[in-house]
Amino acid sequence: MVKKVLVIVLVFCGMNLFSQTSDIVVKEGLLRFQGTIGMGKSTDRNENNIFLHGNLEYFIHSFLTTRGDTYFFLENEENSLDVNHQLFAGMAYHFSKKSNFVPYIGIQPGLAATRYNGTTKTETTPLVSAVAGFNYFAAKWFHLFIDARFVSGKHLSNLPPYPINEIRLSFGLGFNIVTKKISSFGR
């Protein structure tokens, strides 16, 4: 266990040192987007879910972003819900301003389209979500990311309420577009 923790710490320290030698990518006006497969684990029952996860994030400042996430439900081992598509919008705070290794935290309210397996009526479910993770901006045009999220909500219908509380993990490669040229004067 100690060896694993030591290896993880050394890898992240090395990434942080390497990122300080290149140009800083994270600036006001950066548009970041990605698509990946996300995995979720229910906190209330023994269920695992798989989603297509898409994300779009815009840097208002070098440390503050508006972001939107969408999750398209693919599979559930227990088949309690046969529809569980989700959409989130909110803000994130990014901690690192002098490195291309950028950890962040955020909060996003959202909505889910949910339906019990075997029923025909799809319900709209309000959600709240806390998100944390990091981006490593390896180059001007792409980044690596790990995104962890806690989702809380309850599917309400004429059947008993069904909690859809979940911990999720997504990771992969994303892309960047610089939308603003910022002069070196005054910044």
N, C-alpha and C. Protein backbone atom coordinates (compact mmCIF):
# COMPACT_ATOMS: atom_id res chain seq x y z
N MET A 1 0.82 -1.20 0.00
CA MET A 1 0.00 0.00 0.00
C MET A 1 0.86 1.26 0.00
N VAL A 2 1.91 1.26 0.83
CA VAL A 2 2.80 2.41 0.92
C VAL A 2 3.51 2.62 -0.42
N LYS A 3 3.89 1.52 -1.09
CA LYS A 3 4.55 1.63 -2.38
C LYS A 3 3.63 2.27 -3.42
N LYS A 4 2.35 1.88 -3.42
CA LYS A 4 1.39 2.46 -4.37
C LYS A 4 1.24 3.95 -4.15
N VAL A 5 1.09 4.36 -2.90
CA VAL A 5 0.94 5.78 -2.59
C VAL A 5 2.19 6.54 -3.00
N LEU A 6 3.36 5.99 -2.74
CA LEU A 6 4.62 6.64 -3.11
C LEU A 6 4.73 6.79 -4.63
N VAL A 7 4.37 5.76 -5.37
CA VAL A 7 4.41 5.84 -6.84
C VAL A 7 3.45 6.92 -7.34
N ILE A 8 2.24 6.99 -6.81
CA ILE A 8 1.28 8.01 -7.22
C ILE A 8 1.80 9.40 -6.93
N VAL A 9 2.35 9.62 -5.75
CA VAL A 9 2.90 10.93 -5.38
C VAL A 9 4.04 11.32 -6.32
N LEU A 10 4.94 10.39 -6.62
CA LEU A 10 6.07 10.69 -7.51
C LEU A 10 5.60 11.00 -8.92
N VAL A 11 4.61 10.29 -9.41
CA VAL A 11 4.08 10.56 -10.75
C VAL A 11 3.48 11.95 -10.81
N PHE A 12 2.64 12.32 -9.83
CA PHE A 12 2.03 13.65 -9.83
C PHE A 12 3.06 14.76 -9.65
N CYS A 13 4.06 14.53 -8.81
CA CYS A 13 5.12 15.54 -8.65
C CYS A 13 5.88 15.72 -9.96
N GLY A 14 6.17 14.62 -10.62
CA GLY A 14 6.86 14.69 -11.91
C GLY A 14 6.04 15.41 -12.95
N MET A 15 4.73 15.15 -13.00
CA MET A 15 3.85 15.84 -13.94
C MET A 15 3.84 17.33 -13.64
N ASN A 16 3.81 17.68 -12.37
CA ASN A 16 3.77 19.09 -11.98
C ASN A 16 5.07 19.79 -12.37
N LEU A 17 6.21 19.15 -12.14
CA LEU A 17 7.49 19.76 -12.51
C LEU A 17 7.62 19.91 -14.02
N PHE A 18 7.19 18.88 -14.76
CA PHE A 18 7.26 18.94 -16.22
C PHE A 18 6.36 20.03 -16.76
N SER A 19 5.18 20.18 -16.18
CA SER A 19 4.23 21.16 -16.69
C SER A 19 4.71 22.59 -16.47
N GLN A 20 5.61 22.81 -15.53
CA GLN A 20 6.10 24.16 -15.27
C GLN A 20 7.12 24.60 -16.32
N THR A 21 7.64 23.66 -17.10
CA THR A 21 8.63 24.03 -18.10
C THR A 21 7.99 24.44 -19.42
N SER A 22 6.72 24.17 -19.62
CA SER A 22 6.06 24.50 -20.88
C SER A 22 5.19 25.74 -20.72
N ASP A 23 4.65 26.22 -21.82
CA ASP A 23 3.75 27.37 -21.77
C ASP A 23 2.49 27.01 -20.99
N ILE A 24 2.00 27.98 -20.24
CA ILE A 24 0.77 27.78 -19.48
C ILE A 24 -0.41 27.85 -20.45
N VAL A 25 -1.22 26.82 -20.47
CA VAL A 25 -2.36 26.73 -21.38
C VAL A 25 -3.60 27.35 -20.76
N VAL A 26 -3.78 27.20 -19.46
CA VAL A 26 -5.01 27.63 -18.79
C VAL A 26 -5.03 29.15 -18.66
N LYS A 27 -5.91 29.76 -19.45
CA LYS A 27 -6.06 31.21 -19.45
C LYS A 27 -7.52 31.53 -19.70
N GLU A 28 -7.87 32.75 -19.40
CA GLU A 28 -9.22 33.24 -19.70
C GLU A 28 -9.49 33.03 -21.19
N GLY A 29 -10.68 32.51 -21.50
CA GLY A 29 -11.07 32.29 -22.89
C GLY A 29 -10.82 30.89 -23.40
N LEU A 30 -10.24 30.01 -22.58
CA LEU A 30 -10.01 28.64 -23.02
C LEU A 30 -11.33 27.87 -23.00
N LEU A 31 -11.62 27.17 -24.08
CA LEU A 31 -12.78 26.28 -24.17
C LEU A 31 -12.27 24.85 -24.17
N ARG A 32 -12.74 24.06 -23.23
CA ARG A 32 -12.28 22.68 -23.04
C ARG A 32 -13.47 21.75 -23.24
N PHE A 33 -13.29 20.66 -24.01
CA PHE A 33 -14.38 19.71 -24.20
C PHE A 33 -13.83 18.29 -24.29
N GLN A 34 -14.70 17.35 -23.97
CA GLN A 34 -14.29 15.94 -23.98
C GLN A 34 -15.51 15.04 -24.06
N GLY A 35 -15.28 13.82 -24.46
CA GLY A 35 -16.30 12.78 -24.46
C GLY A 35 -15.64 11.48 -24.04
N THR A 36 -16.31 10.72 -23.20
CA THR A 36 -15.72 9.49 -22.70
C THR A 36 -16.82 8.57 -22.17
N ILE A 37 -16.43 7.43 -21.69
CA ILE A 37 -17.36 6.53 -21.00
C ILE A 37 -17.14 6.70 -19.51
N GLY A 38 -18.21 6.94 -18.76
CA GLY A 38 -18.14 7.10 -17.32
C GLY A 38 -18.76 5.92 -16.61
N MET A 39 -18.24 5.63 -15.43
CA MET A 39 -18.76 4.54 -14.62
C MET A 39 -19.33 5.09 -13.33
N GLY A 40 -20.41 4.51 -12.86
CA GLY A 40 -21.03 4.95 -11.62
C GLY A 40 -21.31 3.79 -10.69
N LYS A 41 -21.23 4.06 -9.39
CA LYS A 41 -21.53 3.07 -8.35
C LYS A 41 -22.56 3.67 -7.42
N SER A 42 -23.71 3.02 -7.30
CA SER A 42 -24.77 3.50 -6.42
C SER A 42 -24.31 3.45 -4.97
N THR A 43 -24.67 4.49 -4.20
CA THR A 43 -24.33 4.49 -2.78
C THR A 43 -25.43 3.84 -1.94
N ASP A 44 -26.58 3.54 -2.56
CA ASP A 44 -27.72 3.00 -1.83
C ASP A 44 -27.99 1.51 -2.08
N ARG A 45 -27.46 0.98 -3.15
CA ARG A 45 -27.68 -0.43 -3.49
C ARG A 45 -26.49 -0.95 -4.28
N ASN A 46 -26.44 -2.22 -4.49
CA ASN A 46 -25.32 -2.82 -5.21
C ASN A 46 -25.58 -2.77 -6.72
N GLU A 47 -25.43 -1.57 -7.29
CA GLU A 47 -25.64 -1.37 -8.73
C GLU A 47 -24.49 -0.57 -9.31
N ASN A 48 -24.10 -0.93 -10.51
CA ASN A 48 -23.09 -0.20 -11.27
C ASN A 48 -23.73 0.27 -12.56
N ASN A 49 -23.46 1.52 -12.95
CA ASN A 49 -24.02 2.08 -14.16
C ASN A 49 -22.90 2.50 -15.11
N ILE A 50 -23.21 2.50 -16.39
CA ILE A 50 -22.27 2.95 -17.42
C ILE A 50 -22.95 4.05 -18.22
N PHE A 51 -22.21 5.13 -18.48
CA PHE A 51 -22.74 6.29 -19.19
C PHE A 51 -21.77 6.73 -20.28
N LEU A 52 -22.30 7.33 -21.34
CA LEU A 52 -21.49 8.16 -22.22
C LEU A 52 -21.46 9.53 -21.56
N HIS A 53 -20.30 10.08 -21.33
CA HIS A 53 -20.15 11.35 -20.60
C HIS A 53 -19.55 12.39 -21.54
N GLY A 54 -20.24 13.51 -21.70
CA GLY A 54 -19.72 14.64 -22.47
C GLY A 54 -19.61 15.86 -21.57
N ASN A 55 -18.61 16.69 -21.82
CA ASN A 55 -18.36 17.85 -20.97
C ASN A 55 -17.90 19.01 -21.83
N LEU A 56 -18.39 20.21 -21.51
CA LEU A 56 -17.97 21.45 -22.15
C LEU A 56 -17.70 22.45 -21.04
N GLU A 57 -16.53 23.09 -21.07
CA GLU A 57 -16.15 23.99 -19.99
C GLU A 57 -15.46 25.22 -20.58
N TYR A 58 -15.84 26.40 -20.09
CA TYR A 58 -15.28 27.66 -20.57
C TYR A 58 -14.64 28.42 -19.40
N PHE A 59 -13.40 28.84 -19.57
CA PHE A 59 -12.67 29.56 -18.53
C PHE A 59 -13.03 31.05 -18.57
N ILE A 60 -13.83 31.50 -17.61
CA ILE A 60 -14.18 32.90 -17.46
C ILE A 60 -12.95 33.67 -17.00
N HIS A 61 -12.19 33.08 -16.09
CA HIS A 61 -10.90 33.56 -15.61
C HIS A 61 -9.98 32.34 -15.62
N SER A 62 -8.73 32.53 -15.30
CA SER A 62 -7.81 31.39 -15.29
C SER A 62 -8.13 30.40 -14.17
N PHE A 63 -8.99 30.80 -13.22
CA PHE A 63 -9.31 29.94 -12.08
C PHE A 63 -10.80 29.59 -11.97
N LEU A 64 -11.67 30.19 -12.78
CA LEU A 64 -13.12 29.99 -12.66
C LEU A 64 -13.73 29.64 -14.00
N THR A 65 -14.56 28.59 -14.01
CA THR A 65 -15.18 28.15 -15.26
C THR A 65 -16.68 27.96 -15.10
N THR A 66 -17.36 28.07 -16.22
CA THR A 66 -18.73 27.58 -16.31
C THR A 66 -18.61 26.25 -17.05
N ARG A 67 -19.40 25.28 -16.63
CA ARG A 67 -19.28 23.97 -17.27
C ARG A 67 -20.63 23.30 -17.36
N GLY A 68 -20.77 22.48 -18.35
CA GLY A 68 -21.95 21.66 -18.53
C GLY A 68 -21.54 20.23 -18.79
N ASP A 69 -22.25 19.30 -18.19
CA ASP A 69 -21.98 17.88 -18.36
C ASP A 69 -23.26 17.17 -18.74
N THR A 70 -23.14 16.19 -19.60
CA THR A 70 -24.28 15.34 -19.94
C THR A 70 -23.87 13.88 -19.82
N TYR A 71 -24.78 13.08 -19.33
CA TYR A 71 -24.57 11.64 -19.17
C TYR A 71 -25.70 10.91 -19.89
N PHE A 72 -25.34 10.10 -20.88
CA PHE A 72 -26.32 9.28 -21.59
C PHE A 72 -26.21 7.87 -21.03
N PHE A 73 -27.28 7.39 -20.41
CA PHE A 73 -27.31 6.11 -19.71
C PHE A 73 -27.20 4.95 -20.70
N LEU A 74 -26.23 4.06 -20.46
CA LEU A 74 -26.05 2.91 -21.35
C LEU A 74 -26.49 1.59 -20.73
N GLU A 75 -26.10 1.37 -19.47
CA GLU A 75 -26.33 0.05 -18.90
C GLU A 75 -26.40 0.11 -17.38
N ASN A 76 -27.20 -0.79 -16.83
CA ASN A 76 -27.31 -0.95 -15.38
C ASN A 76 -27.36 -2.44 -15.11
N GLU A 77 -26.47 -2.94 -14.28
CA GLU A 77 -26.41 -4.38 -14.00
C GLU A 77 -27.72 -4.92 -13.44
N GLU A 78 -28.38 -4.19 -12.56
CA GLU A 78 -29.58 -4.66 -11.88
C GLU A 78 -30.86 -4.32 -12.64
N ASN A 79 -30.78 -3.42 -13.63
CA ASN A 79 -31.92 -3.02 -14.43
C ASN A 79 -33.06 -2.43 -13.62
N SER A 80 -32.77 -1.68 -12.56
CA SER A 80 -33.81 -0.99 -11.80
C SER A 80 -34.39 0.16 -12.61
N LEU A 81 -33.53 0.89 -13.30
CA LEU A 81 -33.97 1.96 -14.20
C LEU A 81 -33.55 1.59 -15.61
N ASP A 82 -34.44 1.78 -16.57
CA ASP A 82 -34.02 1.55 -17.95
C ASP A 82 -33.74 2.86 -18.67
N VAL A 83 -34.06 4.00 -18.04
CA VAL A 83 -33.68 5.32 -18.53
C VAL A 83 -33.15 6.12 -17.35
N ASN A 84 -31.98 6.74 -17.52
CA ASN A 84 -31.39 7.57 -16.48
C ASN A 84 -30.40 8.56 -17.12
N HIS A 85 -30.90 9.37 -18.06
CA HIS A 85 -30.06 10.36 -18.75
C HIS A 85 -30.01 11.62 -17.89
N GLN A 86 -28.83 12.26 -17.82
CA GLN A 86 -28.67 13.40 -16.91
C GLN A 86 -27.94 14.56 -17.58
N LEU A 87 -28.31 15.78 -17.15
CA LEU A 87 -27.74 17.02 -17.66
C LEU A 87 -27.42 17.92 -16.47
N PHE A 88 -26.19 18.45 -16.41
CA PHE A 88 -25.75 19.31 -15.31
C PHE A 88 -25.18 20.62 -15.86
N ALA A 89 -25.34 21.71 -15.11
CA ALA A 89 -24.73 23.00 -15.44
C ALA A 89 -24.29 23.66 -14.15
N GLY A 90 -23.10 24.25 -14.15
CA GLY A 90 -22.62 24.89 -12.93
C GLY A 90 -21.27 25.54 -13.11
N MET A 91 -20.55 25.67 -12.00
CA MET A 91 -19.26 26.36 -11.96
C MET A 91 -18.21 25.44 -11.35
N ALA A 92 -16.94 25.73 -11.68
CA ALA A 92 -15.82 25.01 -11.07
C ALA A 92 -14.70 26.00 -10.76
N TYR A 93 -14.03 25.75 -9.65
CA TYR A 93 -12.87 26.55 -9.25
C TYR A 93 -11.62 25.72 -9.51
N HIS A 94 -10.65 26.30 -10.23
CA HIS A 94 -9.40 25.63 -10.58
C HIS A 94 -8.28 26.21 -9.73
N PHE A 95 -7.51 25.33 -9.07
CA PHE A 95 -6.55 25.77 -8.06
C PHE A 95 -5.22 26.25 -8.61
N SER A 96 -4.71 25.68 -9.67
CA SER A 96 -3.36 25.98 -10.12
C SER A 96 -3.37 27.06 -11.20
N LYS A 97 -2.56 28.09 -10.99
CA LYS A 97 -2.47 29.16 -11.98
C LYS A 97 -1.08 29.22 -12.62
N LYS A 98 -0.13 28.49 -12.08
CA LYS A 98 1.24 28.56 -12.57
C LYS A 98 1.72 27.22 -13.15
N SER A 99 0.79 26.33 -13.42
CA SER A 99 1.14 25.00 -13.88
C SER A 99 0.07 24.50 -14.85
N ASN A 100 0.44 23.52 -15.67
CA ASN A 100 -0.54 22.89 -16.54
C ASN A 100 -1.20 21.68 -15.89
N PHE A 101 -0.83 21.37 -14.67
CA PHE A 101 -1.53 20.37 -13.85
C PHE A 101 -2.53 21.16 -13.00
N VAL A 102 -3.83 20.99 -13.28
CA VAL A 102 -4.84 21.88 -12.72
C VAL A 102 -5.94 21.09 -12.00
N PRO A 103 -5.86 20.95 -10.67
CA PRO A 103 -6.96 20.34 -9.92
C PRO A 103 -8.13 21.31 -9.79
N TYR A 104 -9.34 20.77 -9.63
CA TYR A 104 -10.53 21.62 -9.54
C TYR A 104 -11.60 20.98 -8.67
N ILE A 105 -12.53 21.83 -8.21
CA ILE A 105 -13.74 21.38 -7.53
C ILE A 105 -14.89 22.22 -8.09
N GLY A 106 -16.10 21.67 -8.01
CA GLY A 106 -17.25 22.42 -8.51
C GLY A 106 -18.55 21.87 -7.99
N ILE A 107 -19.60 22.61 -8.27
CA ILE A 107 -20.95 22.17 -7.91
C ILE A 107 -21.85 22.43 -9.11
N GLN A 108 -22.75 21.47 -9.36
CA GLN A 108 -23.64 21.58 -10.51
C GLN A 108 -25.02 21.03 -10.17
N PRO A 109 -26.04 21.87 -10.23
CA PRO A 109 -27.40 21.33 -10.20
C PRO A 109 -27.70 20.69 -11.55
N GLY A 110 -28.69 19.83 -11.57
CA GLY A 110 -29.01 19.18 -12.84
C GLY A 110 -30.39 18.57 -12.86
N LEU A 111 -30.70 17.95 -13.98
CA LEU A 111 -31.97 17.25 -14.19
C LEU A 111 -31.67 15.89 -14.78
N ALA A 112 -32.52 14.93 -14.45
CA ALA A 112 -32.42 13.59 -15.02
C ALA A 112 -33.75 13.20 -15.62
N ALA A 113 -33.71 12.51 -16.73
CA ALA A 113 -34.88 11.84 -17.29
C ALA A 113 -34.77 10.39 -16.83
N THR A 114 -35.68 9.96 -15.94
CA THR A 114 -35.58 8.62 -15.35
C THR A 114 -36.87 7.84 -15.57
N ARG A 115 -36.72 6.52 -15.70
CA ARG A 115 -37.88 5.65 -15.86
C ARG A 115 -37.55 4.28 -15.27
N TYR A 116 -38.47 3.78 -14.43
CA TYR A 116 -38.34 2.42 -13.89
C TYR A 116 -38.39 1.41 -15.02
N ASN A 117 -37.64 0.34 -14.86
CA ASN A 117 -37.69 -0.74 -15.82
C ASN A 117 -39.10 -1.35 -15.81
N GLY A 118 -39.69 -1.50 -16.97
CA GLY A 118 -41.02 -2.11 -17.09
C GLY A 118 -42.16 -1.11 -17.09
N THR A 119 -41.90 0.17 -16.86
CA THR A 119 -42.96 1.18 -16.91
C THR A 119 -42.80 1.99 -18.20
N THR A 120 -43.79 2.82 -18.50
CA THR A 120 -43.75 3.58 -19.74
C THR A 120 -43.57 5.08 -19.53
N LYS A 121 -43.74 5.57 -18.30
CA LYS A 121 -43.68 7.01 -18.06
C LYS A 121 -42.28 7.43 -17.61
N THR A 122 -41.71 8.39 -18.34
CA THR A 122 -40.41 8.96 -17.99
C THR A 122 -40.64 10.19 -17.12
N GLU A 123 -39.94 10.27 -16.01
CA GLU A 123 -40.07 11.37 -15.06
C GLU A 123 -38.86 12.31 -15.15
N THR A 124 -39.07 13.57 -14.78
CA THR A 124 -37.97 14.53 -14.65
C THR A 124 -37.59 14.60 -13.18
N THR A 125 -36.31 14.36 -12.91
CA THR A 125 -35.82 14.28 -11.54
C THR A 125 -34.78 15.37 -11.29
N PRO A 126 -34.98 16.24 -10.28
CA PRO A 126 -33.93 17.23 -9.96
C PRO A 126 -32.75 16.55 -9.28
N LEU A 127 -31.55 17.06 -9.57
CA LEU A 127 -30.31 16.50 -9.02
C LEU A 127 -29.41 17.60 -8.51
N VAL A 128 -28.49 17.25 -7.66
CA VAL A 128 -27.39 18.13 -7.27
C VAL A 128 -26.12 17.28 -7.34
N SER A 129 -25.02 17.93 -7.70
CA SER A 129 -23.80 17.18 -7.93
C SER A 129 -22.59 17.99 -7.47
N ALA A 130 -21.66 17.30 -6.81
CA ALA A 130 -20.35 17.88 -6.48
C ALA A 130 -19.32 17.16 -7.34
N VAL A 131 -18.41 17.92 -7.92
CA VAL A 131 -17.43 17.34 -8.83
C VAL A 131 -16.02 17.78 -8.42
N ALA A 132 -15.06 16.90 -8.60
CA ALA A 132 -13.65 17.20 -8.31
C ALA A 132 -12.80 16.38 -9.27
N GLY A 133 -11.64 16.89 -9.55
CA GLY A 133 -10.74 16.16 -10.44
C GLY A 133 -9.55 16.99 -10.81
N PHE A 134 -8.90 16.60 -11.90
CA PHE A 134 -7.79 17.40 -12.41
C PHE A 134 -7.69 17.26 -13.91
N ASN A 135 -7.12 18.29 -14.51
CA ASN A 135 -6.76 18.29 -15.93
C ASN A 135 -5.25 18.45 -16.00
N TYR A 136 -4.64 17.75 -16.91
CA TYR A 136 -3.23 17.96 -17.20
C TYR A 136 -3.16 18.43 -18.65
N PHE A 137 -2.87 19.70 -18.84
CA PHE A 137 -2.81 20.29 -20.16
C PHE A 137 -1.43 20.01 -20.76
N ALA A 138 -1.33 18.89 -21.46
CA ALA A 138 -0.05 18.43 -21.99
C ALA A 138 0.41 19.25 -23.19
N ALA A 139 -0.53 19.86 -23.89
CA ALA A 139 -0.22 20.69 -25.06
C ALA A 139 -1.33 21.72 -25.22
N LYS A 140 -1.13 22.63 -26.14
CA LYS A 140 -2.11 23.70 -26.36
C LYS A 140 -3.47 23.14 -26.79
N TRP A 141 -3.47 22.04 -27.51
CA TRP A 141 -4.70 21.54 -28.12
C TRP A 141 -5.36 20.37 -27.40
N PHE A 142 -4.71 19.75 -26.44
CA PHE A 142 -5.34 18.62 -25.75
C PHE A 142 -4.93 18.55 -24.29
N HIS A 143 -5.71 17.77 -23.53
CA HIS A 143 -5.45 17.58 -22.10
C HIS A 143 -5.89 16.18 -21.69
N LEU A 144 -5.33 15.72 -20.60
CA LEU A 144 -5.75 14.47 -19.95
C LEU A 144 -6.57 14.86 -18.73
N PHE A 145 -7.56 14.06 -18.37
CA PHE A 145 -8.40 14.42 -17.24
C PHE A 145 -8.83 13.20 -16.45
N ILE A 146 -9.11 13.45 -15.18
CA ILE A 146 -9.82 12.51 -14.30
C ILE A 146 -10.89 13.33 -13.60
N ASP A 147 -12.13 12.85 -13.64
CA ASP A 147 -13.28 13.58 -13.13
C ASP A 147 -14.06 12.65 -12.19
N ALA A 148 -14.17 13.02 -10.92
CA ALA A 148 -14.95 12.24 -9.94
C ALA A 148 -16.15 13.09 -9.53
N ARG A 149 -17.28 12.45 -9.31
CA ARG A 149 -18.52 13.18 -9.07
C ARG A 149 -19.41 12.40 -8.10
N PHE A 150 -20.08 13.15 -7.22
CA PHE A 150 -21.14 12.58 -6.39
C PHE A 150 -22.45 13.19 -6.88
N VAL A 151 -23.41 12.35 -7.22
CA VAL A 151 -24.73 12.78 -7.69
C VAL A 151 -25.76 12.38 -6.66
N SER A 152 -26.68 13.31 -6.35
CA SER A 152 -27.75 13.01 -5.40
C SER A 152 -29.09 13.43 -6.00
N GLY A 153 -30.05 12.53 -5.92
CA GLY A 153 -31.40 12.81 -6.39
C GLY A 153 -32.30 11.63 -6.09
N LYS A 154 -33.61 11.83 -6.33
CA LYS A 154 -34.59 10.78 -6.07
C LYS A 154 -35.60 10.73 -7.21
N HIS A 155 -35.71 9.56 -7.84
CA HIS A 155 -36.74 9.34 -8.86
C HIS A 155 -38.09 9.26 -8.16
N LEU A 156 -38.99 10.18 -8.49
CA LEU A 156 -40.31 10.21 -7.87
C LEU A 156 -41.36 9.86 -8.92
N SER A 157 -42.22 8.93 -8.60
CA SER A 157 -43.32 8.56 -9.48
C SER A 157 -44.41 7.96 -8.61
N ASN A 158 -45.38 7.28 -9.22
CA ASN A 158 -46.43 6.65 -8.43
C ASN A 158 -45.93 5.37 -7.75
N LEU A 159 -44.73 4.94 -8.06
CA LEU A 159 -44.09 3.81 -7.38
C LEU A 159 -43.27 4.37 -6.22
N PRO A 160 -42.76 3.54 -5.34
CA PRO A 160 -41.94 4.05 -4.22
C PRO A 160 -40.76 4.88 -4.73
N PRO A 161 -40.37 5.95 -3.99
CA PRO A 161 -39.22 6.77 -4.40
C PRO A 161 -37.97 5.90 -4.55
N TYR A 162 -37.19 6.23 -5.55
CA TYR A 162 -35.99 5.45 -5.86
C TYR A 162 -34.78 6.38 -5.83
N PRO A 163 -33.90 6.26 -4.82
CA PRO A 163 -32.73 7.15 -4.76
C PRO A 163 -31.76 6.84 -5.91
N ILE A 164 -31.26 7.89 -6.54
CA ILE A 164 -30.26 7.70 -7.59
C ILE A 164 -28.95 8.36 -7.18
N ASN A 165 -28.59 8.20 -5.92
CA ASN A 165 -27.31 8.70 -5.40
C ASN A 165 -26.19 7.82 -5.93
N GLU A 166 -25.13 8.47 -6.39
CA GLU A 166 -24.11 7.71 -7.10
C GLU A 166 -22.76 8.41 -7.03
N ILE A 167 -21.70 7.62 -7.03
CA ILE A 167 -20.34 8.13 -7.18
C ILE A 167 -19.89 7.72 -8.58
N ARG A 168 -19.34 8.69 -9.33
CA ARG A 168 -18.95 8.44 -10.73
C ARG A 168 -17.49 8.75 -10.97
N LEU A 169 -16.93 8.10 -11.96
CA LEU A 169 -15.56 8.34 -12.37
C LEU A 169 -15.49 8.33 -13.89
N SER A 170 -14.86 9.36 -14.44
CA SER A 170 -14.59 9.46 -15.88
C SER A 170 -13.14 9.87 -16.05
N PHE A 171 -12.51 9.41 -17.11
CA PHE A 171 -11.14 9.81 -17.40
C PHE A 171 -10.88 9.64 -18.89
N GLY A 172 -9.87 10.35 -19.37
CA GLY A 172 -9.52 10.21 -20.77
C GLY A 172 -8.81 11.42 -21.33
N LEU A 173 -9.01 11.64 -22.63
CA LEU A 173 -8.36 12.70 -23.38
C LEU A 173 -9.42 13.70 -23.81
N GLY A 174 -9.13 14.99 -23.63
CA GLY A 174 -10.03 16.04 -24.06
C GLY A 174 -9.30 17.03 -24.95
N PHE A 175 -10.04 17.97 -25.51
CA PHE A 175 -9.48 18.92 -26.46
C PHE A 175 -9.73 20.35 -26.02
N ASN A 176 -8.89 21.27 -26.48
CA ASN A 176 -8.93 22.68 -26.08
C ASN A 176 -9.01 23.57 -27.31
N ILE A 177 -9.71 24.68 -27.17
CA ILE A 177 -9.73 25.73 -28.19
C ILE A 177 -9.52 27.06 -27.46
N VAL A 178 -8.54 27.82 -27.89
CA VAL A 178 -8.31 29.15 -27.32
C VAL A 178 -9.22 30.12 -28.06
N THR A 179 -10.15 30.74 -27.35
CA THR A 179 -11.14 31.62 -27.99
C THR A 179 -10.79 33.09 -27.89
N LYS A 180 -9.82 33.45 -27.03
CA LYS A 180 -9.43 34.85 -26.84
C LYS A 180 -7.92 34.98 -26.91
N LYS A 181 -7.50 36.02 -27.57
CA LYS A 181 -6.08 36.39 -27.50
C LYS A 181 -5.94 37.42 -26.41
N ILE A 182 -5.11 37.13 -25.43
CA ILE A 182 -4.90 38.06 -24.32
C ILE A 182 -3.52 38.67 -24.48
N SER A 183 -3.48 39.99 -24.52
CA SER A 183 -2.19 40.67 -24.68
C SER A 183 -1.35 40.49 -23.42
N SER A 184 -0.07 40.59 -23.59
CA SER A 184 0.83 40.45 -22.44
C SER A 184 0.86 41.72 -21.59
N PHE A 185 0.26 42.82 -22.08
CA PHE A 185 0.21 44.07 -21.32
C PHE A 185 -0.91 44.02 -20.31
N GLY A 186 -0.59 44.24 -19.08
CA GLY A 186 -1.62 44.33 -18.03
C GLY A 186 -2.11 43.01 -17.53
N ARG A 187 -1.55 41.88 -17.95
CA ARG A 187 -2.01 40.56 -17.46
C ARG A 187 -0.86 39.76 -16.95
